[in-house]
């Protein structure tokens, strides 16, 4: 009987996962673009600056749940690119090559691309 209760809230947990991931992802973008909440600032013309734009704009759109599926697909691609160009060359294991976040974000965004935003989103309005 307990599983039945979880099935009722599962769509809302899907939205909560998307929003929590988007909030932290957005912070990675603002960190790169405006050094907020902390960290170095990068030029928009650099690879890190382009990543910052994708993470800021994409993170905001994912937080709102607007254009969720295509945005999530693009962000999953960004995370795959980041992992294989920046982390994998430092070793196989994500724990030792610093790629845990890239792997997790990749799968979260891929999940959102496949399933959509959940019931709490602008896409649903």
C-alpha atoms as a PDB file:
ATOM      1  CA  UNK A   1       0.000   0.000   0.000  1.00  0.00           C
ATOM      2  CA  UNK A   2       2.884   2.403   0.662  1.00  0.00           C
ATOM      3  CA  UNK A   3       4.017   2.176  -2.972  1.00  0.00           C
ATOM      4  CA  UNK A   4       0.600   3.373  -4.097  1.00  0.00           C
ATOM      5  CA  UNK A   5       1.071   6.598  -2.140  1.00  0.00           C
ATOM      6  CA  UNK A   6       4.433   7.232  -3.806  1.00  0.00           C
ATOM      7  CA  UNK A   7       2.941   6.762  -7.261  1.00  0.00           C
ATOM      8  CA  UNK A   8       0.582   9.670  -6.549  1.00  0.00           C
ATOM      9  CA  UNK A   9       3.424  12.052  -5.695  1.00  0.00           C
ATOM     10  CA  UNK A  10       5.931  10.748  -8.257  1.00  0.00           C
ATOM     11  CA  UNK A  11       5.100  13.395 -10.898  1.00  0.00           C
ATOM     12  CA  UNK A  12       5.584  16.151  -8.316  1.00  0.00           C
ATOM     13  CA  UNK A  13       8.902  14.628  -7.271  1.00  0.00           C
ATOM     14  CA  UNK A  14       9.865  14.668 -10.950  1.00  0.00           C
ATOM     15  CA  UNK A  15       9.222  18.428 -11.007  1.00  0.00           C
ATOM     16  CA  UNK A  16      11.115  18.852  -7.725  1.00  0.00           C
ATOM     17  CA  UNK A  17      14.128  16.964  -9.119  1.00  0.00           C
ATOM     18  CA  UNK A  18      14.122  19.156 -12.234  1.00  0.00           C
ATOM     19  CA  UNK A  19      13.881  22.359 -10.199  1.00  0.00           C
ATOM     20  CA  UNK A  20      16.550  21.381  -7.646  1.00  0.00           C
ATOM     21  CA  UNK A  21      18.965  20.323 -10.376  1.00  0.00           C
ATOM     22  CA  UNK A  22      18.201  23.486 -12.356  1.00  0.00           C
ATOM     23  CA  UNK A  23      18.824  25.731  -9.348  1.00  0.00           C
ATOM     24  CA  UNK A  24      22.277  24.272  -8.708  1.00  0.00           C
ATOM     25  CA  UNK A  25      23.055  24.150 -12.440  1.00  0.00           C
ATOM     26  CA  UNK A  26      22.102  27.823 -12.759  1.00  0.00           C
ATOM     27  CA  UNK A  27      24.571  28.636  -9.986  1.00  0.00           C
ATOM     28  CA  UNK A  28      27.367  27.002 -12.004  1.00  0.00           C
ATOM     29  CA  UNK A  29      26.457  29.267 -14.918  1.00  0.00           C
ATOM     30  CA  UNK A  30      26.331  32.498 -12.924  1.00  0.00           C
ATOM     31  CA  UNK A  31      29.610  31.524 -11.307  1.00  0.00           C
ATOM     32  CA  UNK A  32      31.250  31.407 -14.733  1.00  0.00           C
ATOM     33  CA  UNK A  33      29.597  34.560 -16.112  1.00  0.00           C
ATOM     34  CA  UNK A  34      29.474  36.970 -13.173  1.00  0.00           C
ATOM     35  CA  UNK A  35      31.522  35.215 -10.445  1.00  0.00           C
ATOM     36  CA  UNK A  36      28.388  34.764  -8.320  1.00  0.00           C
ATOM     37  CA  UNK A  37      28.029  33.216  -5.810  1.00  0.00           C
ATOM     38  CA  UNK A  38      31.818  32.741  -5.957  1.00  0.00           C
ATOM     39  CA  UNK A  39      34.622  31.841  -8.293  1.00  0.00           C
ATOM     40  CA  UNK A  40      36.394  33.200 -11.344  1.00  0.00           C
ATOM     41  CA  UNK A  41      34.635  35.001 -14.153  1.00  0.00           C
ATOM     42  CA  UNK A  42      35.196  33.885 -17.746  1.00  0.00           C
ATOM     43  CA  UNK A  43      34.906  35.714 -21.051  1.00  0.00           C
ATOM     44  CA  UNK A  44      31.785  34.801 -23.024  1.00  0.00           C
ATOM     45  CA  UNK A  45      34.084  34.221 -26.009  1.00  0.00           C
ATOM     46  CA  UNK A  46      35.824  31.340 -24.194  1.00  0.00           C
ATOM     47  CA  UNK A  47      34.696  27.721 -23.936  1.00  0.00           C
ATOM     48  CA  UNK A  48      33.946  28.245 -20.235  1.00  0.00           C
ATOM     49  CA  UNK A  49      31.985  31.396 -21.115  1.00  0.00           C
ATOM     50  CA  UNK A  50      29.860  29.484 -23.613  1.00  0.00           C
ATOM     51  CA  UNK A  51      29.283  26.825 -20.939  1.00  0.00           C
ATOM     52  CA  UNK A  52      28.295  29.620 -18.549  1.00  0.00           C
ATOM     53  CA  UNK A  53      25.708  30.951 -20.999  1.00  0.00           C
ATOM     54  CA  UNK A  54      24.271  27.458 -21.569  1.00  0.00           C
ATOM     55  CA  UNK A  55      24.163  26.783 -17.833  1.00  0.00           C
ATOM     56  CA  UNK A  56      22.632  30.147 -16.928  1.00  0.00           C
ATOM     57  CA  UNK A  57      20.000  30.338 -19.663  1.00  0.00           C
ATOM     58  CA  UNK A  58      19.377  26.592 -19.716  1.00  0.00           C
ATOM     59  CA  UNK A  59      19.263  26.399 -15.926  1.00  0.00           C
ATOM     60  CA  UNK A  60      16.724  29.237 -15.771  1.00  0.00           C
ATOM     61  CA  UNK A  61      14.545  27.601 -18.427  1.00  0.00           C
ATOM     62  CA  UNK A  62      14.737  24.261 -16.642  1.00  0.00           C
ATOM     63  CA  UNK A  63      13.880  25.904 -13.323  1.00  0.00           C
ATOM     64  CA  UNK A  64      10.734  27.338 -14.902  1.00  0.00           C
ATOM     65  CA  UNK A  65      10.028  24.175 -16.848  1.00  0.00           C
ATOM     66  CA  UNK A  66       9.851  26.042 -20.157  1.00  0.00           C
ATOM     67  CA  UNK A  67      10.933  24.288 -23.395  1.00  0.00           C
ATOM     68  CA  UNK A  68      12.017  21.505 -21.056  1.00  0.00           C
ATOM     69  CA  UNK A  69      12.599  18.656 -23.484  1.00  0.00           C
ATOM     70  CA  UNK A  70      14.793  20.431 -26.065  1.00  0.00           C
ATOM     71  CA  UNK A  71      16.684  22.436 -23.440  1.00  0.00           C
ATOM     72  CA  UNK A  72      17.332  19.328 -21.353  1.00  0.00           C
ATOM     73  CA  UNK A  73      18.636  17.515 -24.431  1.00  0.00           C
ATOM     74  CA  UNK A  74      21.085  20.349 -25.182  1.00  0.00           C
ATOM     75  CA  UNK A  75      22.230  20.493 -21.548  1.00  0.00           C
ATOM     76  CA  UNK A  76      22.748  16.719 -21.469  1.00  0.00           C
ATOM     77  CA  UNK A  77      24.948  17.125 -24.534  1.00  0.00           C
ATOM     78  CA  UNK A  78      26.909  19.885 -22.840  1.00  0.00           C
ATOM     79  CA  UNK A  79      27.529  17.647 -19.826  1.00  0.00           C
ATOM     80  CA  UNK A  80      28.615  14.715 -22.004  1.00  0.00           C
ATOM     81  CA  UNK A  81      31.021  17.021 -23.843  1.00  0.00           C
ATOM     82  CA  UNK A  82      32.343  18.426 -20.555  1.00  0.00           C
ATOM     83  CA  UNK A  83      32.874  14.959 -19.126  1.00  0.00           C
ATOM     84  CA  UNK A  84      34.720  13.512 -22.093  1.00  0.00           C
ATOM     85  CA  UNK A  85      36.862  16.584 -22.815  1.00  0.00           C
ATOM     86  CA  UNK A  86      37.674  17.705 -19.259  1.00  0.00           C
ATOM     87  CA  UNK A  87      37.250  14.769 -16.892  1.00  0.00           C
ATOM     88  CA  UNK A  88      37.668  11.408 -18.640  1.00  0.00           C
ATOM     89  CA  UNK A  89      41.208  12.229 -19.715  1.00  0.00           C
ATOM     90  CA  UNK A  90      42.161  12.352 -16.010  1.00  0.00           C
ATOM     91  CA  UNK A  91      41.124   8.755 -15.413  1.00  0.00           C
ATOM     92  CA  UNK A  92      38.260   6.285 -15.730  1.00  0.00           C
ATOM     93  CA  UNK A  93      36.433   6.769 -12.424  1.00  0.00           C
ATOM     94  CA  UNK A  94      34.272   9.898 -12.032  1.00  0.00           C
ATOM     95  CA  UNK A  95      35.141  10.025  -8.332  1.00  0.00           C
ATOM     96  CA  UNK A  96      38.851  10.399  -9.085  1.00  0.00           C
ATOM     97  CA  UNK A  97      38.609  12.525 -12.246  1.00  0.00           C
ATOM     98  CA  UNK A  98      36.220  15.108 -10.766  1.00  0.00           C
ATOM     99  CA  UNK A  99      33.407  14.278 -13.164  1.00  0.00           C
ATOM    100  CA  UNK A 100      30.665  13.194 -10.743  1.00  0.00           C
ATOM    101  CA  UNK A 101      28.551  16.308 -11.291  1.00  0.00           C
ATOM    102  CA  UNK A 102      28.874  16.116 -15.054  1.00  0.00           C
ATOM    103  CA  UNK A 103      27.707  12.492 -15.006  1.00  0.00           C
ATOM    104  CA  UNK A 104      24.793  13.198 -12.662  1.00  0.00           C
ATOM    105  CA  UNK A 105      23.655  16.284 -14.580  1.00  0.00           C
ATOM    106  CA  UNK A 106      23.927  14.346 -17.849  1.00  0.00           C
ATOM    107  CA  UNK A 107      21.550  11.662 -16.629  1.00  0.00           C
ATOM    108  CA  UNK A 108      19.160  14.111 -14.939  1.00  0.00           C
ATOM    109  CA  UNK A 109      18.884  16.218 -18.110  1.00  0.00           C
ATOM    110  CA  UNK A 110      18.553  13.120 -20.280  1.00  0.00           C
ATOM    111  CA  UNK A 111      15.739  11.921 -17.994  1.00  0.00           C
ATOM    112  CA  UNK A 112      14.021  15.321 -18.279  1.00  0.00           C
ATOM    113  CA  UNK A 113      14.385  15.246 -22.064  1.00  0.00           C
ATOM    114  CA  UNK A 114      12.680  11.846 -22.136  1.00  0.00           C
ATOM    115  CA  UNK A 115       9.949  12.398 -19.534  1.00  0.00           C
ATOM    116  CA  UNK A 116       9.250  16.120 -19.656  1.00  0.00           C
ATOM    117  CA  UNK A 117       9.018  18.643 -16.848  1.00  0.00           C
ATOM    118  CA  UNK A 118       6.406  17.123 -14.552  1.00  0.00           C
ATOM    119  CA  UNK A 119       3.200  18.888 -13.499  1.00  0.00           C
ATOM    120  CA  UNK A 120       4.801  21.999 -11.976  1.00  0.00           C
ATOM    121  CA  UNK A 121       6.100  23.832 -15.043  1.00  0.00           C
ATOM    122  CA  UNK A 122       5.315  26.496 -17.619  1.00  0.00           C
ATOM    123  CA  UNK A 123       5.239  23.775 -20.268  1.00  0.00           C
ATOM    124  CA  UNK A 124       2.138  22.357 -18.572  1.00  0.00           C
ATOM    125  CA  UNK A 125       0.244  25.665 -18.671  1.00  0.00           C
END
